[in-house]
Structures are given as structure tokens and as C-alpha cells.
């Protein structure tokens, strides 16, 4: 009888320990959902700080790979290395091949958006290393990017090239001055060595929205990262090197 009571006691003690453990885990999970937690801003689970940390890096330029125009359920795609009917030869030959957009931080930590003219690989080409030249004196600052807390996106003053392309695709007098960096796809790499090891292209989408009498038309500029890996020559006008694109 003593052995029987001892076994029952041990079973009750084990049950109490199990209940206490489950209660601890439940309380720990509930405590993780406090208001002080930084919420994810993209489908890949990145927080705002992580998203911006991957966006604001040196030696990365964003080049236009593709453009889409969405009117309700109708989507038209512009392959920028072909001759689509949506854009004339001026934009295909004199604008798109030279677009290079950068995001950075200026004085007192303010966000900066700059655009330079850059030669080299652009559009949907196989990933690899390509000769490139950045025309330094062409660099213009379009303004200051900010974080839109309501939309959970980076809001930016659009560079002149993207403004003109959106206006051309619209076919009206509309010329957008503001756009957004969509949360998907999120930037992937925090430096050129990460990009080199991954050996895979990296993309973001810059979105501009046109309000019309019938609703909204969305223009999405799929931007692909071009990392400058080596600078072979540099003067006041040019920076020649190799881009990882």
C-alpha cells in the first residue's frame, strides 16, 4: 500500500510540473505581443529597421528592369530592352539605359534620394559582372525619403526619369512627384559581398499611382540592384568600374 501511494504522489507531482510549464509558456507567448514590439513591414518578416538597414547601403544603384501599368485587372508589361508600343524610342534608348537611383542618408540623418546617369547592364539579363560607368556630375538629389507609418512603406520624391516615364505611360498631362517603395520584394543584401556570395539578382518595386475618374492606375517600376564591386578609374566626371548585376 505504501508503494502504491508513493507512485500516485509522484504522478500528481509530475502533473503539477507539466501544468506549471504550460502556464509559463502561455504567459511568455502573450508577453511577446506588447505594443512596444516593432511590427514586421513586409511579407518576409522584416521590421522597419531591418528594411531600411538593407535599403540604405553604399555602392548599390537601382536600375530599371521592367515596368508594369495596371488599370483595374488589366496589366501591361514593358520589357525595357524591347520595343513596346507603350514607350517611344526616346525613353527606350535615351532614358531607361542610364537610370541609376540610390537611397541614402544625408546631414542629421535625413533620408536622401539621388539619381545618376550610369552605363552598363540593365533590364532582364543574366546575373553577372559587367563594365559600368557612373557620370558623377549628372547626380541630382530629388528630395528626402520618409517612412509612411500608415502604409508601412518608404515614401519618396520620384527622380525625374521615373516621373517622365510614368507621364509617358499615362499619355496625359499627369506627372507624379511622389511614389512608394513597395514592401515586396524586400531588399536582400546589406553589402556587395553578400550579393556576390548569393550570385542572385535583387529587386525592389517603386510604385506611382494615378487617380482617374474611373479609379486608379498603378505604375510599378521593377528596379534591379547594380553593385559596384571595383572602381578601376575615377575623376571629377566619371567613375569606371565593374558592376555586379
C-alpha atoms as a PDB file:
ATOM      1  CA  UNK A   1       0.000   0.000   0.000  1.00  0.00           C
ATOM      2  CA  UNK A   2       2.847   2.406   0.761  1.00  0.00           C
ATOM      3  CA  UNK A   3       4.386   1.829  -2.658  1.00  0.00           C
ATOM      4  CA  UNK A   4       1.019   2.432  -4.300  1.00  0.00           C
ATOM      5  CA  UNK A   5       0.537   5.799  -2.514  1.00  0.00           C
ATOM      6  CA  UNK A   6       4.142   6.765  -3.399  1.00  0.00           C
ATOM      7  CA  UNK A   7       3.539   6.126  -7.096  1.00  0.00           C
ATOM      8  CA  UNK A   8       0.310   8.151  -7.072  1.00  0.00           C
ATOM      9  CA  UNK A   9       2.121  11.018  -5.363  1.00  0.00           C
ATOM     10  CA  UNK A  10       4.830  11.032  -7.969  1.00  0.00           C
ATOM     11  CA  UNK A  11       2.214  11.076 -10.746  1.00  0.00           C
ATOM     12  CA  UNK A  12       0.426  14.062  -9.108  1.00  0.00           C
ATOM     13  CA  UNK A  13       3.762  15.890  -8.768  1.00  0.00           C
ATOM     14  CA  UNK A  14       4.602  15.272 -12.446  1.00  0.00           C
ATOM     15  CA  UNK A  15       1.152  16.552 -13.471  1.00  0.00           C
ATOM     16  CA  UNK A  16       1.598  19.755 -11.459  1.00  0.00           C
ATOM     17  CA  UNK A  17       5.024  20.385 -13.043  1.00  0.00           C
ATOM     18  CA  UNK A  18       3.568  19.866 -16.506  1.00  0.00           C
ATOM     19  CA  UNK A  19       0.733  22.353 -15.828  1.00  0.00           C
ATOM     20  CA  UNK A  20       3.166  24.944 -14.470  1.00  0.00           C
ATOM     21  CA  UNK A  21       5.365  24.547 -17.557  1.00  0.00           C
ATOM     22  CA  UNK A  22       2.409  25.040 -19.908  1.00  0.00           C
ATOM     23  CA  UNK A  23       1.303  28.125 -17.950  1.00  0.00           C
ATOM     24  CA  UNK A  24       4.817  29.622 -18.199  1.00  0.00           C
ATOM     25  CA  UNK A  25       4.952  29.074 -21.972  1.00  0.00           C
ATOM     26  CA  UNK A  26       1.496  30.625 -22.420  1.00  0.00           C
ATOM     27  CA  UNK A  27       2.434  33.734 -20.417  1.00  0.00           C
ATOM     28  CA  UNK A  28       5.690  34.064 -22.349  1.00  0.00           C
ATOM     29  CA  UNK A  29       3.872  33.946 -25.679  1.00  0.00           C
ATOM     30  CA  UNK A  30       1.325  36.541 -24.537  1.00  0.00           C
ATOM     31  CA  UNK A  31       4.068  38.877 -23.334  1.00  0.00           C
ATOM     32  CA  UNK A  32       5.622  38.896 -26.833  1.00  0.00           C
ATOM     33  CA  UNK A  33       2.628  40.760 -28.276  1.00  0.00           C
ATOM     34  CA  UNK A  34       3.165  44.062 -26.483  1.00  0.00           C
ATOM     35  CA  UNK A  35       2.675  47.440 -28.118  1.00  0.00           C
ATOM     36  CA  UNK A  36       6.402  48.163 -27.834  1.00  0.00           C
ATOM     37  CA  UNK A  37       7.277  45.441 -30.301  1.00  0.00           C
ATOM     38  CA  UNK A  38       8.452  46.638 -33.746  1.00  0.00           C
ATOM     39  CA  UNK A  39       5.965  45.116 -36.168  1.00  0.00           C
ATOM     40  CA  UNK A  40       7.049  43.465 -39.439  1.00  0.00           C
ATOM     41  CA  UNK A  41       6.635  45.670 -42.512  1.00  0.00           C
ATOM     42  CA  UNK A  42       6.893  43.040 -45.237  1.00  0.00           C
ATOM     43  CA  UNK A  43       5.824  39.509 -46.024  1.00  0.00           C
ATOM     44  CA  UNK A  44       9.370  38.331 -45.423  1.00  0.00           C
ATOM     45  CA  UNK A  45       9.059  39.310 -41.769  1.00  0.00           C
ATOM     46  CA  UNK A  46      11.371  42.328 -41.883  1.00  0.00           C
ATOM     47  CA  UNK A  47      10.888  45.087 -39.345  1.00  0.00           C
ATOM     48  CA  UNK A  48      11.029  48.725 -40.394  1.00  0.00           C
ATOM     49  CA  UNK A  49      14.596  48.982 -39.068  1.00  0.00           C
ATOM     50  CA  UNK A  50      15.658  45.845 -40.953  1.00  0.00           C
ATOM     51  CA  UNK A  51      14.030  47.024 -44.179  1.00  0.00           C
ATOM     52  CA  UNK A  52      15.736  50.418 -44.020  1.00  0.00           C
ATOM     53  CA  UNK A  53      19.038  48.834 -42.974  1.00  0.00           C
ATOM     54  CA  UNK A  54      19.022  46.828 -46.197  1.00  0.00           C
ATOM     55  CA  UNK A  55      17.897  49.769 -48.336  1.00  0.00           C
ATOM     56  CA  UNK A  56      20.464  52.285 -47.102  1.00  0.00           C
ATOM     57  CA  UNK A  57      23.801  50.822 -48.182  1.00  0.00           C
ATOM     58  CA  UNK A  58      26.680  52.200 -50.229  1.00  0.00           C
ATOM     59  CA  UNK A  59      27.756  51.284 -53.745  1.00  0.00           C
ATOM     60  CA  UNK A  60      24.346  49.974 -54.810  1.00  0.00           C
ATOM     61  CA  UNK A  61      22.422  51.582 -57.633  1.00  0.00           C
ATOM     62  CA  UNK A  62      18.905  50.625 -58.673  1.00  0.00           C
ATOM     63  CA  UNK A  63      18.378  50.133 -62.431  1.00  0.00           C
ATOM     64  CA  UNK A  64      15.067  49.687 -64.283  1.00  0.00           C
ATOM     65  CA  UNK A  65      14.472  46.056 -65.226  1.00  0.00           C
ATOM     66  CA  UNK A  66      10.774  46.119 -66.135  1.00  0.00           C
ATOM     67  CA  UNK A  67       7.709  48.374 -65.885  1.00  0.00           C
ATOM     68  CA  UNK A  68       4.064  47.440 -65.413  1.00  0.00           C
ATOM     69  CA  UNK A  69       0.906  49.506 -65.859  1.00  0.00           C
ATOM     70  CA  UNK A  70      -2.163  48.191 -64.046  1.00  0.00           C
ATOM     71  CA  UNK A  71      -5.654  49.580 -64.727  1.00  0.00           C
ATOM     72  CA  UNK A  72      -8.069  47.563 -62.594  1.00  0.00           C
ATOM     73  CA  UNK A  73      -7.409  43.948 -63.666  1.00  0.00           C
ATOM     74  CA  UNK A  74      -5.655  44.860 -66.900  1.00  0.00           C
ATOM     75  CA  UNK A  75      -1.840  44.693 -66.639  1.00  0.00           C
ATOM     76  CA  UNK A  76       0.542  45.739 -69.402  1.00  0.00           C
ATOM     77  CA  UNK A  77       4.246  44.903 -69.045  1.00  0.00           C
ATOM     78  CA  UNK A  78       7.114  46.857 -70.577  1.00  0.00           C
ATOM     79  CA  UNK A  79      10.255  44.857 -71.235  1.00  0.00           C
ATOM     80  CA  UNK A  80      12.711  47.746 -71.292  1.00  0.00           C
ATOM     81  CA  UNK A  81      15.124  46.012 -73.689  1.00  0.00           C
ATOM     82  CA  UNK A  82      12.459  45.541 -76.356  1.00  0.00           C
ATOM     83  CA  UNK A  83      10.315  47.993 -78.343  1.00  0.00           C
ATOM     84  CA  UNK A  84       6.906  48.086 -76.663  1.00  0.00           C
ATOM     85  CA  UNK A  85       4.126  50.220 -78.088  1.00  0.00           C
ATOM     86  CA  UNK A  86       3.702  51.925 -74.707  1.00  0.00           C
ATOM     87  CA  UNK A  87       7.009  53.832 -74.928  1.00  0.00           C
ATOM     88  CA  UNK A  88       8.759  55.516 -77.827  1.00  0.00           C
ATOM     89  CA  UNK A  89      12.412  55.172 -78.785  1.00  0.00           C
ATOM     90  CA  UNK A  90      13.480  58.250 -76.793  1.00  0.00           C
ATOM     91  CA  UNK A  91      12.620  56.594 -73.485  1.00  0.00           C
ATOM     92  CA  UNK A  92      13.924  53.182 -74.567  1.00  0.00           C
ATOM     93  CA  UNK A  93      17.261  54.473 -75.848  1.00  0.00           C
ATOM     94  CA  UNK A  94      17.959  57.764 -74.054  1.00  0.00           C
ATOM     95  CA  UNK A  95      16.345  57.435 -70.606  1.00  0.00           C
ATOM     96  CA  UNK A  96      15.983  53.886 -69.297  1.00  0.00           C
ATOM     97  CA  UNK A  97      19.535  52.632 -70.097  1.00  0.00           C
ATOM     98  CA  UNK A  98      21.045  55.402 -67.946  1.00  0.00           C
ATOM     99  CA  UNK A  99      18.821  55.337 -64.839  1.00  0.00           C
ATOM    100  CA  UNK A 100      20.636  54.718 -61.537  1.00  0.00           C
ATOM    101  CA  UNK A 101      18.758  55.555 -58.340  1.00  0.00           C
ATOM    102  CA  UNK A 102      20.294  55.491 -54.856  1.00  0.00           C
ATOM    103  CA  UNK A 103      18.835  55.767 -51.350  1.00  0.00           C
ATOM    104  CA  UNK A 104      20.990  57.147 -48.569  1.00  0.00           C
ATOM    105  CA  UNK A 105      21.212  59.383 -45.523  1.00  0.00           C
ATOM    106  CA  UNK A 106      22.432  62.937 -45.551  1.00  0.00           C
ATOM    107  CA  UNK A 107      23.076  65.531 -42.872  1.00  0.00           C
ATOM    108  CA  UNK A 108      21.406  64.954 -39.496  1.00  0.00           C
ATOM    109  CA  UNK A 109      20.289  61.503 -40.671  1.00  0.00           C
ATOM    110  CA  UNK A 110      17.719  62.721 -43.177  1.00  0.00           C
ATOM    111  CA  UNK A 111      16.862  60.337 -45.996  1.00  0.00           C
ATOM    112  CA  UNK A 112      18.149  61.202 -49.459  1.00  0.00           C
ATOM    113  CA  UNK A 113      17.133  60.049 -52.929  1.00  0.00           C
ATOM    114  CA  UNK A 114      19.603  60.673 -55.753  1.00  0.00           C
ATOM    115  CA  UNK A 115      19.720  59.770 -59.406  1.00  0.00           C
ATOM    116  CA  UNK A 116      22.795  59.495 -61.619  1.00  0.00           C
ATOM    117  CA  UNK A 117      23.448  58.512 -65.200  1.00  0.00           C
ATOM    118  CA  UNK A 118      25.065  55.084 -65.392  1.00  0.00           C
ATOM    119  CA  UNK A 119      26.085  52.893 -68.310  1.00  0.00           C
ATOM    120  CA  UNK A 120      26.310  49.128 -68.217  1.00  0.00           C
ATOM    121  CA  UNK A 121      23.880  46.274 -67.731  1.00  0.00           C
ATOM    122  CA  UNK A 122      20.176  46.998 -67.280  1.00  0.00           C
ATOM    123  CA  UNK A 123      16.913  45.171 -67.883  1.00  0.00           C
ATOM    124  CA  UNK A 124      16.301  41.450 -67.606  1.00  0.00           C
ATOM    125  CA  UNK A 125      19.730  39.982 -68.404  1.00  0.00           C
ATOM    126  CA  UNK A 126      21.508  37.002 -66.813  1.00  0.00           C
ATOM    127  CA  UNK A 127      23.190  37.776 -63.487  1.00  0.00           C
ATOM    128  CA  UNK A 128      26.894  38.520 -63.760  1.00  0.00           C
ATOM    129  CA  UNK A 129      29.672  41.118 -63.749  1.00  0.00           C
ATOM    130  CA  UNK A 130      29.593  43.973 -66.265  1.00  0.00           C
ATOM    131  CA  UNK A 131      31.678  47.023 -67.089  1.00  0.00           C
ATOM    132  CA  UNK A 132      29.995  50.244 -65.966  1.00  0.00           C
ATOM    133  CA  UNK A 133      30.496  53.991 -65.771  1.00  0.00           C
ATOM    134  CA  UNK A 134      28.772  56.425 -63.416  1.00  0.00           C
ATOM    135  CA  UNK A 135      28.686  60.028 -64.629  1.00  0.00           C
ATOM    136  CA  UNK A 136      29.290  61.772 -61.317  1.00  0.00           C
ATOM    137  CA  UNK A 137      28.349  65.276 -62.422  1.00  0.00           C
ATOM    138  CA  UNK A 138      24.947  64.026 -63.545  1.00  0.00           C
ATOM    139  CA  UNK A 139      23.944  63.200 -59.954  1.00  0.00           C
ATOM    140  CA  UNK A 140      20.830  65.031 -58.782  1.00  0.00           C
ATOM    141  CA  UNK A 141      19.020  64.830 -55.466  1.00  0.00           C
ATOM    142  CA  UNK A 142      15.265  64.533 -55.937  1.00  0.00           C
ATOM    143  CA  UNK A 143      14.473  65.112 -52.270  1.00  0.00           C
ATOM    144  CA  UNK A 144      14.067  63.355 -48.957  1.00  0.00           C
ATOM    145  CA  UNK A 145      12.543  59.929 -48.439  1.00  0.00           C
ATOM    146  CA  UNK A 146      10.330  59.370 -45.392  1.00  0.00           C
ATOM    147  CA  UNK A 147       8.617  56.423 -43.735  1.00  0.00           C
ATOM    148  CA  UNK A 148       4.841  56.315 -44.201  1.00  0.00           C
ATOM    149  CA  UNK A 149       3.554  54.730 -40.976  1.00  0.00           C
ATOM    150  CA  UNK A 150       0.022  54.243 -42.333  1.00  0.00           C
ATOM    151  CA  UNK A 151       1.079  52.370 -45.473  1.00  0.00           C
ATOM    152  CA  UNK A 152       4.212  50.878 -43.872  1.00  0.00           C
ATOM    153  CA  UNK A 153       6.256  51.850 -46.912  1.00  0.00           C
ATOM    154  CA  UNK A 154       9.107  54.157 -47.788  1.00  0.00           C
ATOM    155  CA  UNK A 155       7.714  57.303 -49.419  1.00  0.00           C
ATOM    156  CA  UNK A 156       9.998  59.098 -51.848  1.00  0.00           C
ATOM    157  CA  UNK A 157      10.145  62.097 -54.190  1.00  0.00           C
ATOM    158  CA  UNK A 158      10.374  60.491 -57.600  1.00  0.00           C
ATOM    159  CA  UNK A 159      13.520  61.121 -59.676  1.00  0.00           C
ATOM    160  CA  UNK A 160      12.985  62.950 -62.965  1.00  0.00           C
ATOM    161  CA  UNK A 161      13.416  59.835 -65.112  1.00  0.00           C
ATOM    162  CA  UNK A 162      10.649  57.915 -63.335  1.00  0.00           C
ATOM    163  CA  UNK A 163       8.379  60.972 -63.404  1.00  0.00           C
ATOM    164  CA  UNK A 164       8.812  61.296 -67.159  1.00  0.00           C
ATOM    165  CA  UNK A 165       8.326  57.577 -67.770  1.00  0.00           C
ATOM    166  CA  UNK A 166       5.106  57.493 -65.734  1.00  0.00           C
ATOM    167  CA  UNK A 167       3.806  60.540 -67.605  1.00  0.00           C
ATOM    168  CA  UNK A 168       4.622  58.923 -70.953  1.00  0.00           C
ATOM    169  CA  UNK A 169       2.858  55.695 -69.958  1.00  0.00           C
ATOM    170  CA  UNK A 170      -0.152  57.705 -68.792  1.00  0.00           C
ATOM    171  CA  UNK A 171      -0.465  59.627 -72.058  1.00  0.00           C
ATOM    172  CA  UNK A 172      -1.974  62.590 -70.201  1.00  0.00           C
ATOM    173  CA  UNK A 173      -0.689  65.734 -68.507  1.00  0.00           C
ATOM    174  CA  UNK A 174      -0.244  63.776 -65.254  1.00  0.00           C
ATOM    175  CA  UNK A 175       3.300  63.843 -63.892  1.00  0.00           C
ATOM    176  CA  UNK A 176       3.736  62.246 -60.440  1.00  0.00           C
ATOM    177  CA  UNK A 177       6.121  63.776 -57.934  1.00  0.00           C
ATOM    178  CA  UNK A 178       5.709  61.155 -55.177  1.00  0.00           C
ATOM    179  CA  UNK A 179       5.953  57.375 -55.094  1.00  0.00           C
ATOM    180  CA  UNK A 180       6.486  54.453 -52.727  1.00  0.00           C
ATOM    181  CA  UNK A 181       8.913  51.582 -52.363  1.00  0.00           C
ATOM    182  CA  UNK A 182       6.627  48.574 -52.001  1.00  0.00           C
ATOM    183  CA  UNK A 183       7.289  46.242 -49.086  1.00  0.00           C
ATOM    184  CA  UNK A 184       7.607  43.314 -51.515  1.00  0.00           C
ATOM    185  CA  UNK A 185      10.009  42.334 -52.853  1.00  0.00           C
ATOM    186  CA  UNK A 186      12.185  43.499 -49.974  1.00  0.00           C
ATOM    187  CA  UNK A 187      15.885  44.316 -50.431  1.00  0.00           C
ATOM    188  CA  UNK A 188      18.011  41.280 -49.639  1.00  0.00           C
ATOM    189  CA  UNK A 189      21.657  42.185 -49.125  1.00  0.00           C
ATOM    190  CA  UNK A 190      23.453  44.526 -46.739  1.00  0.00           C
ATOM    191  CA  UNK A 191      26.618  44.745 -48.800  1.00  0.00           C
ATOM    192  CA  UNK A 192      28.321  43.744 -52.016  1.00  0.00           C
ATOM    193  CA  UNK A 193      29.923  40.623 -50.533  1.00  0.00           C
ATOM    194  CA  UNK A 194      26.519  39.227 -49.562  1.00  0.00           C
ATOM    195  CA  UNK A 195      25.323  39.877 -53.114  1.00  0.00           C
ATOM    196  CA  UNK A 196      28.430  38.235 -54.560  1.00  0.00           C
ATOM    197  CA  UNK A 197      28.022  35.101 -52.417  1.00  0.00           C
ATOM    198  CA  UNK A 198      24.326  34.820 -53.271  1.00  0.00           C
ATOM    199  CA  UNK A 199      25.029  35.227 -57.023  1.00  0.00           C
ATOM    200  CA  UNK A 200      21.402  36.196 -57.498  1.00  0.00           C
ATOM    201  CA  UNK A 201      19.628  39.351 -58.604  1.00  0.00           C
ATOM    202  CA  UNK A 202      17.992  41.649 -56.045  1.00  0.00           C
ATOM    203  CA  UNK A 203      14.900  43.748 -56.767  1.00  0.00           C
ATOM    204  CA  UNK A 204      12.535  46.354 -55.347  1.00  0.00           C
ATOM    205  CA  UNK A 205       9.381  47.987 -56.772  1.00  0.00           C
ATOM    206  CA  UNK A 206       8.873  51.741 -56.954  1.00  0.00           C
ATOM    207  CA  UNK A 207       5.158  52.444 -57.316  1.00  0.00           C
ATOM    208  CA  UNK A 208       3.365  55.567 -58.585  1.00  0.00           C
ATOM    209  CA  UNK A 209      -0.438  55.869 -58.524  1.00  0.00           C
ATOM    210  CA  UNK A 210      -2.562  57.938 -60.900  1.00  0.00           C
ATOM    211  CA  UNK A 211      -6.075  58.865 -59.747  1.00  0.00           C
ATOM    212  CA  UNK A 212      -8.586  58.869 -62.593  1.00  0.00           C
ATOM    213  CA  UNK A 213     -12.315  59.408 -62.946  1.00  0.00           C
ATOM    214  CA  UNK A 214     -12.737  55.638 -63.129  1.00  0.00           C
ATOM    215  CA  UNK A 215     -10.436  54.727 -60.259  1.00  0.00           C
ATOM    216  CA  UNK A 216      -6.690  54.300 -60.061  1.00  0.00           C
ATOM    217  CA  UNK A 217      -3.865  53.309 -62.413  1.00  0.00           C
ATOM    218  CA  UNK A 218      -0.731  51.892 -60.806  1.00  0.00           C
ATOM    219  CA  UNK A 219       2.688  52.113 -62.419  1.00  0.00           C
ATOM    220  CA  UNK A 220       5.285  49.762 -60.950  1.00  0.00           C
ATOM    221  CA  UNK A 221       8.971  50.167 -61.766  1.00  0.00           C
ATOM    222  CA  UNK A 222      10.802  46.928 -61.041  1.00  0.00           C
ATOM    223  CA  UNK A 223      14.289  48.082 -60.044  1.00  0.00           C
ATOM    224  CA  UNK A 224      17.229  45.681 -60.007  1.00  0.00           C
ATOM    225  CA  UNK A 225      20.364  46.251 -57.941  1.00  0.00           C
ATOM    226  CA  UNK A 226      23.688  47.018 -59.599  1.00  0.00           C
ATOM    227  CA  UNK A 227      26.553  46.815 -57.102  1.00  0.00           C
ATOM    228  CA  UNK A 228      29.845  48.477 -57.956  1.00  0.00           C
ATOM    229  CA  UNK A 229      32.453  45.916 -56.945  1.00  0.00           C
ATOM    230  CA  UNK A 230      35.657  47.550 -58.245  1.00  0.00           C
ATOM    231  CA  UNK A 231      36.483  51.092 -59.310  1.00  0.00           C
ATOM    232  CA  UNK A 232      39.176  50.981 -61.984  1.00  0.00           C
ATOM    233  CA  UNK A 233      39.366  54.716 -62.636  1.00  0.00           C
ATOM    234  CA  UNK A 234      37.823  57.846 -61.156  1.00  0.00           C
ATOM    235  CA  UNK A 235      37.991  61.571 -61.881  1.00  0.00           C
ATOM    236  CA  UNK A 236      35.697  64.536 -61.315  1.00  0.00           C
ATOM    237  CA  UNK A 237      33.345  63.428 -64.105  1.00  0.00           C
ATOM    238  CA  UNK A 238      33.418  59.622 -64.166  1.00  0.00           C
ATOM    239  CA  UNK A 239      33.652  56.529 -62.026  1.00  0.00           C
ATOM    240  CA  UNK A 240      34.560  53.490 -64.133  1.00  0.00           C
ATOM    241  CA  UNK A 241      34.416  50.004 -62.736  1.00  0.00           C
ATOM    242  CA  UNK A 242      32.630  46.672 -62.620  1.00  0.00           C
ATOM    243  CA  UNK A 243      29.006  46.210 -61.594  1.00  0.00           C
ATOM    244  CA  UNK A 244      27.520  43.067 -60.121  1.00  0.00           C
ATOM    245  CA  UNK A 245      24.030  42.988 -61.673  1.00  0.00           C
END
